[in-house]
PDB file of N, CA and C in Angstrom:
ATOM      1  N   MET A   1       4.968   6.391 -12.710  1.00  0.00           N
ATOM      2  CA  MET A   1       4.078   5.817 -11.803  1.00  0.00           C
ATOM      3  C   MET A   1       3.405   6.902 -11.068  1.00  0.00           C
ATOM      4  N   ASP A   2       2.050   6.904 -11.054  1.00  0.00           N
ATOM      5  CA  ASP A   2       1.264   7.955 -10.454  1.00  0.00           C
ATOM      6  C   ASP A   2       0.902   7.432  -9.016  1.00  0.00           C
ATOM      7  N   VAL A   3       1.217   8.131  -7.954  1.00  0.00           N
ATOM      8  CA  VAL A   3       0.965   7.714  -6.573  1.00  0.00           C
ATOM      9  C   VAL A   3      -0.078   8.628  -5.979  1.00  0.00           C
ATOM     10  N   ARG A   4      -1.136   8.140  -5.515  1.00  0.00           N
ATOM     11  CA  ARG A   4      -2.210   8.894  -4.841  1.00  0.00           C
ATOM     12  C   ARG A   4      -2.376   8.319  -3.300  1.00  0.00           C
ATOM     13  N   ILE A   5      -2.237   9.192  -2.459  1.00  0.00           N
ATOM     14  CA  ILE A   5      -2.360   8.877  -1.003  1.00  0.00           C
ATOM     15  C   ILE A   5      -3.569   9.538  -0.452  1.00  0.00           C
ATOM     16  N   GLN A   6      -4.498   8.809   0.051  1.00  0.00           N
ATOM     17  CA  GLN A   6      -5.775   9.424   0.705  1.00  0.00           C
ATOM     18  C   GLN A   6      -5.705   8.880   2.133  1.00  0.00           C
ATOM     19  N   THR A   7      -6.104   9.895   3.050  1.00  0.00           N
ATOM     20  CA  THR A   7      -6.272   9.569   4.416  1.00  0.00           C
ATOM     21  C   THR A   7      -7.743   9.763   4.752  1.00  0.00           C
ATOM     22  N   VAL A   8      -8.212   8.810   5.630  1.00  0.00           N
ATOM     23  CA  VAL A   8      -9.634   8.675   5.921  1.00  0.00           C
ATOM     24  C   VAL A   8      -9.712   8.822   7.448  1.00  0.00           C
ATOM     25  N   HIS A   9     -10.612   9.758   7.879  1.00  0.00           N
ATOM     26  CA  HIS A   9     -10.885   9.934   9.362  1.00  0.00           C
ATOM     27  C   HIS A   9      -9.752  10.696  10.176  1.00  0.00           C
ATOM     28  N   PHE A  10      -8.743  11.152   9.431  1.00  0.00           N
ATOM     29  CA  PHE A  10      -7.679  11.962  10.115  1.00  0.00           C
ATOM     30  C   PHE A  10      -6.849  12.781   9.115  1.00  0.00           C
ATOM     31  N   GLU A  11      -6.022  13.666   9.672  1.00  0.00           N
ATOM     32  CA  GLU A  11      -5.102  14.351   8.845  1.00  0.00           C
ATOM     33  C   GLU A  11      -3.635  13.703   9.112  1.00  0.00           C
ATOM     34  N   SER A  12      -3.015  13.414   7.965  1.00  0.00           N
ATOM     35  CA  SER A  12      -1.698  12.858   8.177  1.00  0.00           C
ATOM     36  C   SER A  12      -0.551  13.845   8.229  1.00  0.00           C
ATOM     37  N   ASP A  13       0.499  13.540   9.010  1.00  0.00           N
ATOM     38  CA  ASP A  13       1.626  14.381   8.961  1.00  0.00           C
ATOM     39  C   ASP A  13       2.583  14.052   7.802  1.00  0.00           C
ATOM     40  N   GLU A  14       3.523  14.950   7.498  1.00  0.00           N
ATOM     41  CA  GLU A  14       4.342  14.824   6.291  1.00  0.00           C
ATOM     42  C   GLU A  14       5.312  13.634   6.441  1.00  0.00           C
ATOM     43  N   LYS A  15       5.720  13.361   7.679  1.00  0.00           N
ATOM     44  CA  LYS A  15       6.624  12.256   7.937  1.00  0.00           C
ATOM     45  C   LYS A  15       6.086  10.909   7.519  1.00  0.00           C
ATOM     46  N   LEU A  16       4.820  10.661   7.791  1.00  0.00           N
ATOM     47  CA  LEU A  16       4.168   9.424   7.396  1.00  0.00           C
ATOM     48  C   LEU A  16       4.010   9.337   5.855  1.00  0.00           C
ATOM     49  N   LEU A  17       3.648  10.406   5.219  1.00  0.00           N
ATOM     50  CA  LEU A  17       3.489  10.464   3.818  1.00  0.00           C
ATOM     51  C   LEU A  17       4.880  10.242   3.038  1.00  0.00           C
ATOM     52  N   GLU A  18       5.877  10.859   3.638  1.00  0.00           N
ATOM     53  CA  GLU A  18       7.231  10.610   3.066  1.00  0.00           C
ATOM     54  C   GLU A  18       7.680   9.190   3.249  1.00  0.00           C
ATOM     55  N   PHE A  19       7.355   8.537   4.323  1.00  0.00           N
ATOM     56  CA  PHE A  19       7.648   7.194   4.553  1.00  0.00           C
ATOM     57  C   PHE A  19       6.956   6.275   3.461  1.00  0.00           C
ATOM     58  N   VAL A  20       5.811   6.556   3.214  1.00  0.00           N
ATOM     59  CA  VAL A  20       4.928   5.752   2.223  1.00  0.00           C
ATOM     60  C   VAL A  20       5.589   6.011   0.809  1.00  0.00           C
ATOM     61  N   ARG A  21       5.875   7.280   0.396  1.00  0.00           N
ATOM     62  CA  ARG A  21       6.398   7.520  -0.857  1.00  0.00           C
ATOM     63  C   ARG A  21       7.743   6.842  -1.046  1.00  0.00           C
ATOM     64  N   LYS A  22       8.540   6.867  -0.044  1.00  0.00           N
ATOM     65  CA  LYS A  22       9.888   6.317  -0.113  1.00  0.00           C
ATOM     66  C   LYS A  22       9.840   4.832  -0.364  1.00  0.00           C
ATOM     67  N   LYS A  23       8.885   4.112   0.400  1.00  0.00           N
ATOM     68  CA  LYS A  23       8.750   2.693   0.212  1.00  0.00           C
ATOM     69  C   LYS A  23       8.195   2.263  -1.214  1.00  0.00           C
ATOM     70  N   LEU A  24       7.257   3.174  -1.698  1.00  0.00           N
ATOM     71  CA  LEU A  24       6.645   2.916  -2.961  1.00  0.00           C
ATOM     72  C   LEU A  24       7.637   3.014  -4.105  1.00  0.00           C
ATOM     73  N   GLU A  25       8.669   3.750  -3.993  1.00  0.00           N
ATOM     74  CA  GLU A  25       9.650   3.917  -4.996  1.00  0.00           C
ATOM     75  C   GLU A  25      10.358   2.544  -5.379  1.00  0.00           C
ATOM     76  N   LYS A  26      10.328   1.655  -4.367  1.00  0.00           N
ATOM     77  CA  LYS A  26      10.944   0.355  -4.628  1.00  0.00           C
ATOM     78  C   LYS A  26      10.093  -0.565  -5.430  1.00  0.00           C
ATOM     79  N   LEU A  27       8.833  -0.265  -5.715  1.00  0.00           N
ATOM     80  CA  LEU A  27       8.011  -1.133  -6.395  1.00  0.00           C
ATOM     81  C   LEU A  27       8.428  -1.392  -7.885  1.00  0.00           C
ATOM     82  N   ASN A  28       9.148  -0.384  -8.456  1.00  0.00           N
ATOM     83  CA  ASN A  28       9.468  -0.556  -9.858  1.00  0.00           C
ATOM     84  C   ASN A  28      10.558  -1.666 -10.005  1.00  0.00           C
ATOM     85  N   THR A  29      11.130  -2.003  -8.954  1.00  0.00           N
ATOM     86  CA  THR A  29      12.017  -3.202  -9.041  1.00  0.00           C
ATOM     87  C   THR A  29      11.384  -4.461  -9.212  1.00  0.00           C
ATOM     88  N   PHE A  30      10.053  -4.560  -8.779  1.00  0.00           N
ATOM     89  CA  PHE A  30       9.443  -5.825  -8.884  1.00  0.00           C
ATOM     90  C   PHE A  30       8.576  -5.982 -10.112  1.00  0.00           C
ATOM     91  N   HIS A  31       8.096  -4.800 -10.616  1.00  0.00           N
ATOM     92  CA  HIS A  31       7.241  -4.786 -11.792  1.00  0.00           C
ATOM     93  C   HIS A  31       7.455  -3.485 -12.568  1.00  0.00           C
ATOM     94  N   ASP A  32       7.895  -3.515 -13.806  1.00  0.00           N
ATOM     95  CA  ASP A  32       8.266  -2.349 -14.501  1.00  0.00           C
ATOM     96  C   ASP A  32       7.104  -1.612 -15.288  1.00  0.00           C
ATOM     97  N   ARG A  33       5.966  -2.122 -15.216  1.00  0.00           N
ATOM     98  CA  ARG A  33       4.779  -1.452 -15.936  1.00  0.00           C
ATOM     99  C   ARG A  33       3.763  -0.995 -15.023  1.00  0.00           C
ATOM    100  N   ILE A  34       3.998  -0.684 -13.809  1.00  0.00           N
ATOM    101  CA  ILE A  34       2.996  -0.047 -12.850  1.00  0.00           C
ATOM    102  C   ILE A  34       2.650   1.284 -13.318  1.00  0.00           C
ATOM    103  N   THR A  35       1.366   1.472 -13.524  1.00  0.00           N
ATOM    104  CA  THR A  35       0.931   2.853 -13.968  1.00  0.00           C
ATOM    105  C   THR A  35       0.472   3.726 -12.842  1.00  0.00           C
ATOM    106  N   LYS A  36      -0.230   3.155 -11.863  1.00  0.00           N
ATOM    107  CA  LYS A  36      -0.855   3.922 -10.804  1.00  0.00           C
ATOM    108  C   LYS A  36      -0.880   3.125  -9.472  1.00  0.00           C
ATOM    109  N   VAL A  37      -0.683   3.832  -8.337  1.00  0.00           N
ATOM    110  CA  VAL A  37      -0.684   3.294  -7.011  1.00  0.00           C
ATOM    111  C   VAL A  37      -1.644   4.095  -6.226  1.00  0.00           C
ATOM    112  N   ASP A  38      -2.714   3.439  -5.658  1.00  0.00           N
ATOM    113  CA  ASP A  38      -3.603   4.118  -4.757  1.00  0.00           C
ATOM    114  C   ASP A  38      -3.381   3.610  -3.323  1.00  0.00           C
ATOM    115  N   VAL A  39      -3.113   4.574  -2.357  1.00  0.00           N
ATOM    116  CA  VAL A  39      -2.799   4.208  -0.883  1.00  0.00           C
ATOM    117  C   VAL A  39      -3.946   4.847  -0.189  1.00  0.00           C
ATOM    118  N   PHE A  40      -4.612   3.995   0.691  1.00  0.00           N
ATOM    119  CA  PHE A  40      -5.553   4.520   1.556  1.00  0.00           C
ATOM    120  C   PHE A  40      -5.140   4.250   2.989  1.00  0.00           C
ATOM    121  N   LEU A  41      -5.082   5.288   3.799  1.00  0.00           N
ATOM    122  CA  LEU A  41      -4.670   5.194   5.213  1.00  0.00           C
ATOM    123  C   LEU A  41      -5.941   5.502   5.975  1.00  0.00           C
ATOM    124  N   LYS A  42      -6.375   4.599   6.861  1.00  0.00           N
ATOM    125  CA  LYS A  42      -7.697   4.710   7.514  1.00  0.00           C
ATOM    126  C   LYS A  42      -7.547   4.361   9.001  1.00  0.00           C
ATOM    127  N   LEU A  43      -8.346   5.012   9.785  1.00  0.00           N
ATOM    128  CA  LEU A  43      -8.442   4.730  11.213  1.00  0.00           C
ATOM    129  C   LEU A  43      -9.768   3.973  11.323  1.00  0.00           C
ATOM    130  N   ASP A  44      -9.677   2.789  12.118  1.00  0.00           N
ATOM    131  CA  ASP A  44     -10.825   1.995  12.263  1.00  0.00           C
ATOM    132  C   ASP A  44     -11.213   2.104  13.793  1.00  0.00           C
ATOM    133  N   ASN A  45     -12.410   1.833  14.158  1.00  0.00           N
ATOM    134  CA  ASN A  45     -12.936   1.910  15.544  1.00  0.00           C
ATOM    135  C   ASN A  45     -12.712   3.257  16.043  1.00  0.00           C
ATOM    136  N   VAL A  46     -13.224   4.276  15.360  1.00  0.00           N
ATOM    137  CA  VAL A  46     -12.998   5.675  15.815  1.00  0.00           C
ATOM    138  C   VAL A  46     -13.708   6.013  17.092  1.00  0.00           C
ATOM    139  N   VAL A  47     -14.701   5.206  17.445  1.00  0.00           N
ATOM    140  CA  VAL A  47     -15.494   5.436  18.649  1.00  0.00           C
ATOM    141  C   VAL A  47     -14.749   5.032  19.897  1.00  0.00           C
ATOM    142  N   HIS A  48     -13.840   4.017  19.689  1.00  0.00           N
ATOM    143  CA  HIS A  48     -13.121   3.480  20.915  1.00  0.00           C
ATOM    144  C   HIS A  48     -11.748   4.210  21.032  1.00  0.00           C
ATOM    145  N   ASN A  49     -11.133   4.059  22.114  1.00  0.00           N
ATOM    146  CA  ASN A  49      -9.872   4.647  22.331  1.00  0.00           C
ATOM    147  C   ASN A  49      -8.738   3.946  21.520  1.00  0.00           C
ATOM    148  N   LEU A  50      -8.826   2.642  21.460  1.00  0.00           N
ATOM    149  CA  LEU A  50      -7.925   1.842  20.631  1.00  0.00           C
ATOM    150  C   LEU A  50      -8.237   1.867  19.214  1.00  0.00           C
ATOM    151  N   LYS A  51      -7.469   2.606  18.339  1.00  0.00           N
ATOM    152  CA  LYS A  51      -7.785   2.755  17.051  1.00  0.00           C
ATOM    153  C   LYS A  51      -6.891   1.898  16.126  1.00  0.00           C
ATOM    154  N   ASP A  52      -7.386   0.962  15.357  1.00  0.00           N
ATOM    155  CA  ASP A  52      -6.572   0.230  14.479  1.00  0.00           C
ATOM    156  C   ASP A  52      -6.281   1.105  13.257  1.00  0.00           C
ATOM    157  N   LYS A  53      -5.045   0.920  12.774  1.00  0.00           N
ATOM    158  CA  LYS A  53      -4.511   1.706  11.626  1.00  0.00           C
ATOM    159  C   LYS A  53      -4.592   0.732  10.396  1.00  0.00           C
ATOM    160  N   ILE A  54      -5.378   1.116   9.369  1.00  0.00           N
ATOM    161  CA  ILE A  54      -5.600   0.249   8.271  1.00  0.00           C
ATOM    162  C   ILE A  54      -4.877   0.872   7.031  1.00  0.00           C
ATOM    163  N   VAL A  55      -4.175   0.039   6.348  1.00  0.00           N
ATOM    164  CA  VAL A  55      -3.497   0.501   5.053  1.00  0.00           C
ATOM    165  C   VAL A  55      -4.011  -0.337   3.946  1.00  0.00           C
ATOM    166  N   GLU A  56      -4.590   0.227   2.874  1.00  0.00           N
ATOM    167  CA  GLU A  56      -4.939  -0.474   1.662  1.00  0.00           C
ATOM    168  C   GLU A  56      -4.091  -0.068   0.460  1.00  0.00           C
ATOM    169  N   LEU A  57      -3.582  -0.953  -0.262  1.00  0.00           N
ATOM    170  CA  LEU A  57      -2.727  -0.574  -1.414  1.00  0.00           C
ATOM    171  C   LEU A  57      -3.454  -1.256  -2.745  1.00  0.00           C
ATOM    172  N   ARG A  58      -3.612  -0.402  -3.726  1.00  0.00           N
ATOM    173  CA  ARG A  58      -4.203  -0.925  -4.987  1.00  0.00           C
ATOM    174  C   ARG A  58      -3.131  -0.420  -6.014  1.00  0.00           C
ATOM    175  N   VAL A  59      -2.598  -1.476  -6.749  1.00  0.00           N
ATOM    176  CA  VAL A  59      -1.603  -1.220  -7.763  1.00  0.00           C
ATOM    177  C   VAL A  59      -2.233  -1.546  -9.128  1.00  0.00           C
ATOM    178  N   HIS A  60      -2.191  -0.605 -10.149  1.00  0.00           N
ATOM    179  CA  HIS A  60      -2.706  -0.862 -11.369  1.00  0.00           C
ATOM    180  C   HIS A  60      -1.541  -1.074 -12.450  1.00  0.00           C
ATOM    181  N   VAL A  61      -1.613  -2.237 -13.061  1.00  0.00           N
ATOM    182  CA  VAL A  61      -0.657  -2.453 -14.188  1.00  0.00           C
ATOM    183  C   VAL A  61      -1.588  -2.926 -15.321  1.00  0.00           C
ATOM    184  N   PRO A  62      -1.070  -2.825 -16.624  1.00  0.00           N
ATOM    185  CA  PRO A  62      -1.887  -3.137 -17.765  1.00  0.00           C
ATOM    186  C   PRO A  62      -2.492  -4.485 -17.650  1.00  0.00           C
ATOM    187  N   LYS A  63      -3.874  -4.566 -17.849  1.00  0.00           N
ATOM    188  CA  LYS A  63      -4.562  -5.848 -17.766  1.00  0.00           C
ATOM    189  C   LYS A  63      -4.716  -6.494 -16.386  1.00  0.00           C
ATOM    190  N   ARG A  64      -4.303  -5.846 -15.330  1.00  0.00           N
ATOM    191  CA  ARG A  64      -4.308  -6.496 -14.010  1.00  0.00           C
ATOM    192  C   ARG A  64      -4.303  -5.383 -12.903  1.00  0.00           C
ATOM    193  N   ASP A  65      -4.975  -5.637 -11.760  1.00  0.00           N
ATOM    194  CA  ASP A  65      -4.839  -4.916 -10.636  1.00  0.00           C
ATOM    195  C   ASP A  65      -4.510  -5.664  -9.465  1.00  0.00           C
ATOM    196  N   PHE A  66      -3.709  -5.205  -8.525  1.00  0.00           N
ATOM    197  CA  PHE A  66      -3.405  -5.921  -7.264  1.00  0.00           C
ATOM    198  C   PHE A  66      -3.858  -5.091  -6.163  1.00  0.00           C
ATOM    199  N   PHE A  67      -4.479  -5.784  -5.090  1.00  0.00           N
ATOM    200  CA  PHE A  67      -5.062  -5.159  -3.895  1.00  0.00           C
ATOM    201  C   PHE A  67      -4.544  -5.859  -2.615  1.00  0.00           C
ATOM    202  N   VAL A  68      -4.140  -5.119  -1.724  1.00  0.00           N
ATOM    203  CA  VAL A  68      -3.726  -5.699  -0.342  1.00  0.00           C
ATOM    204  C   VAL A  68      -4.299  -4.774   0.751  1.00  0.00           C
ATOM    205  N   LYS A  69      -4.516  -5.417   1.859  1.00  0.00           N
ATOM    206  CA  LYS A  69      -5.023  -4.649   3.059  1.00  0.00           C
ATOM    207  C   LYS A  69      -4.418  -5.197   4.237  1.00  0.00           C
ATOM    208  N   ALA A  70      -3.968  -4.345   5.221  1.00  0.00           N
ATOM    209  CA  ALA A  70      -3.350  -4.727   6.443  1.00  0.00           C
ATOM    210  C   ALA A  70      -3.737  -3.801   7.519  1.00  0.00           C
ATOM    211  N   SER A  71      -3.870  -4.298   8.709  1.00  0.00           N
ATOM    212  CA  SER A  71      -4.142  -3.444   9.856  1.00  0.00           C
ATOM    213  C   SER A  71      -3.309  -3.849  11.010  1.00  0.00           C
ATOM    214  N   SER A  72      -2.926  -2.854  11.801  1.00  0.00           N
ATOM    215  CA  SER A  72      -2.096  -3.131  13.045  1.00  0.00           C
ATOM    216  C   SER A  72      -2.298  -1.796  14.008  1.00  0.00           C
ATOM    217  N   LYS A  73      -1.480  -1.729  15.003  1.00  0.00           N
ATOM    218  CA  LYS A  73      -1.505  -0.562  15.859  1.00  0.00           C
ATOM    219  C   LYS A  73      -0.836   0.633  15.415  1.00  0.00           C
ATOM    220  N   SER A  74       0.037   0.523  14.290  1.00  0.00           N
ATOM    221  CA  SER A  74       0.688   1.710  13.752  1.00  0.00           C
ATOM    222  C   SER A  74       0.700   1.585  12.232  1.00  0.00           C
ATOM    223  N   PHE A  75       0.639   2.849  11.658  1.00  0.00           N
ATOM    224  CA  PHE A  75       0.614   2.891  10.135  1.00  0.00           C
ATOM    225  C   PHE A  75       1.825   2.256   9.487  1.00  0.00           C
ATOM    226  N   GLU A  76       3.029   2.554  10.178  1.00  0.00           N
ATOM    227  CA  GLU A  76       4.143   1.986   9.503  1.00  0.00           C
ATOM    228  C   GLU A  76       4.189   0.431   9.425  1.00  0.00           C
ATOM    229  N   GLU A  77       3.759  -0.162  10.507  1.00  0.00           N
ATOM    230  CA  GLU A  77       3.698  -1.605  10.627  1.00  0.00           C
ATOM    231  C   GLU A  77       2.544  -2.144   9.619  1.00  0.00           C
ATOM    232  N   SER A  78       1.524  -1.496   9.546  1.00  0.00           N
ATOM    233  CA  SER A  78       0.426  -1.891   8.594  1.00  0.00           C
ATOM    234  C   SER A  78       0.962  -1.795   7.134  1.00  0.00           C
ATOM    235  N   PHE A  79       1.608  -0.650   6.920  1.00  0.00           N
ATOM    236  CA  PHE A  79       2.124  -0.423   5.497  1.00  0.00           C
ATOM    237  C   PHE A  79       3.168  -1.395   5.170  1.00  0.00           C
ATOM    238  N   ASP A  80       4.110  -1.808   6.061  1.00  0.00           N
ATOM    239  CA  ASP A  80       5.069  -2.822   5.834  1.00  0.00           C
ATOM    240  C   ASP A  80       4.487  -4.151   5.580  1.00  0.00           C
ATOM    241  N   ASN A  81       3.531  -4.561   6.337  1.00  0.00           N
ATOM    242  CA  ASN A  81       2.868  -5.865   6.051  1.00  0.00           C
ATOM    243  C   ASN A  81       2.123  -5.861   4.790  1.00  0.00           C
ATOM    244  N   ALA A  82       1.374  -4.827   4.356  1.00  0.00           N
ATOM    245  CA  ALA A  82       0.706  -4.676   3.137  1.00  0.00           C
ATOM    246  C   ALA A  82       1.757  -4.760   1.967  1.00  0.00           C
ATOM    247  N   PHE A  83       2.820  -4.032   2.159  1.00  0.00           N
ATOM    248  CA  PHE A  83       3.888  -3.849   1.124  1.00  0.00           C
ATOM    249  C   PHE A  83       4.487  -5.208   0.796  1.00  0.00           C
ATOM    250  N   LEU A  84       4.850  -6.036   1.878  1.00  0.00           N
ATOM    251  CA  LEU A  84       5.267  -7.309   1.746  1.00  0.00           C
ATOM    252  C   LEU A  84       4.410  -8.252   0.968  1.00  0.00           C
ATOM    253  N   SER A  85       3.169  -8.103   1.354  1.00  0.00           N
ATOM    254  CA  SER A  85       2.099  -8.975   0.694  1.00  0.00           C
ATOM    255  C   SER A  85       2.020  -8.624  -0.834  1.00  0.00           C
ATOM    256  N   LEU A  86       2.065  -7.370  -1.050  1.00  0.00           N
ATOM    257  CA  LEU A  86       1.998  -6.799  -2.529  1.00  0.00           C
ATOM    258  C   LEU A  86       3.299  -7.310  -3.328  1.00  0.00           C
ATOM    259  N   ILE A  87       4.353  -7.224  -2.672  1.00  0.00           N
ATOM    260  CA  ILE A  87       5.492  -7.752  -3.277  1.00  0.00           C
ATOM    261  C   ILE A  87       5.414  -9.257  -3.743  1.00  0.00           C
ATOM    262  N   ASN A  88       4.906 -10.042  -2.781  1.00  0.00           N
ATOM    263  CA  ASN A  88       4.664 -11.477  -3.050  1.00  0.00           C
ATOM    264  C   ASN A  88       3.775 -11.697  -4.225  1.00  0.00           C
ATOM    265  N   GLN A  89       2.601 -10.850  -4.270  1.00  0.00           N
ATOM    266  CA  GLN A  89       1.689 -11.035  -5.346  1.00  0.00           C
ATOM    267  C   GLN A  89       2.337 -10.596  -6.713  1.00  0.00           C
ATOM    268  N   LEU A  90       3.194  -9.524  -6.711  1.00  0.00           N
ATOM    269  CA  LEU A  90       3.871  -9.110  -7.908  1.00  0.00           C
ATOM    270  C   LEU A  90       4.921 -10.200  -8.401  1.00  0.00           C
ATOM    271  N   LYS A  91       5.536 -10.874  -7.454  1.00  0.00           N
ATOM    272  CA  LYS A  91       6.542 -11.870  -7.777  1.00  0.00           C
ATOM    273  C   LYS A  91       5.865 -13.131  -8.387  1.00  0.00           C
ATOM    274  N   ARG A  92       4.744 -13.447  -7.716  1.00  0.00           N
ATOM    275  CA  ARG A  92       4.001 -14.643  -8.371  1.00  0.00           C
ATOM    276  C   ARG A  92       3.416 -14.387  -9.699  1.00  0.00           C
ATOM    277  N   GLN A  93       2.950 -13.195  -9.930  1.00  0.00           N
ATOM    278  CA  GLN A  93       2.447 -12.778 -11.229  1.00  0.00           C
ATOM    279  C   GLN A  93       3.627 -12.868 -12.314  1.00  0.00           C
ATOM    280  N   LYS A  94       4.796 -12.381 -11.943  1.00  0.00           N
ATOM    281  CA  LYS A  94       5.939 -12.403 -12.908  1.00  0.00           C
ATOM    282  C   LYS A  94       6.315 -13.885 -13.119  1.00  0.00           C
ATOM    283  N   GLU A  95       6.269 -14.779 -12.171  1.00  0.00           N
ATOM    284  CA  GLU A  95       6.662 -16.191 -12.278  1.00  0.00           C
ATOM    285  C   GLU A  95       5.660 -16.842 -13.242  1.00  0.00           C
ATOM    286  N   ARG A  96       4.304 -16.465 -13.057  1.00  0.00           N
ATOM    287  CA  ARG A  96       3.264 -17.052 -14.076  1.00  0.00           C
ATOM    288  C   ARG A  96       3.540 -16.625 -15.488  1.00  0.00           C
ATOM    289  N   GLN A  97       3.907 -15.326 -15.670  1.00  0.00           N
ATOM    290  CA  GLN A  97       4.128 -14.824 -16.977  1.00  0.00           C
ATOM    291  C   GLN A  97       5.299 -15.443 -17.610  1.00  0.00           C
ATOM    292  N   ALA A  98       6.283 -15.793 -16.829  1.00  0.00           N
ATOM    293  CA  ALA A  98       7.542 -16.443 -17.384  1.00  0.00           C
ATOM    294  C   ALA A  98       7.338 -17.928 -17.740  1.00  0.00           C
ATOM    295  N   ALA A  99       6.414 -18.537 -17.038  1.00  0.00           N
ATOM    296  CA  ALA A  99       6.171 -19.879 -17.316  1.00  0.00           C
ATOM    297  C   ALA A  99       5.372 -20.149 -18.544  1.00  0.00           C
TER     298      ALA A  99
END
């Protein structure tokens, strides 16, 4: 599984990147044919003092791509929300294939 993490409008610290990598390792338990994962970490409303943290996840599997987006006041919370949504999509896809 190839993981690419891109940050937009800021420089990320290693702690956040390690958090993301550690969580993404769990994806193989939900789908065994994941080829690539693209993670986009973005800051929204750069002009204002309150900056929303946006996380976008794109997961590539043969014949299908999954995409989720979440935003909140912290990257960890945004990532967790997006990750849970992605897991739900992967589970639904597996159920459809089994039926």
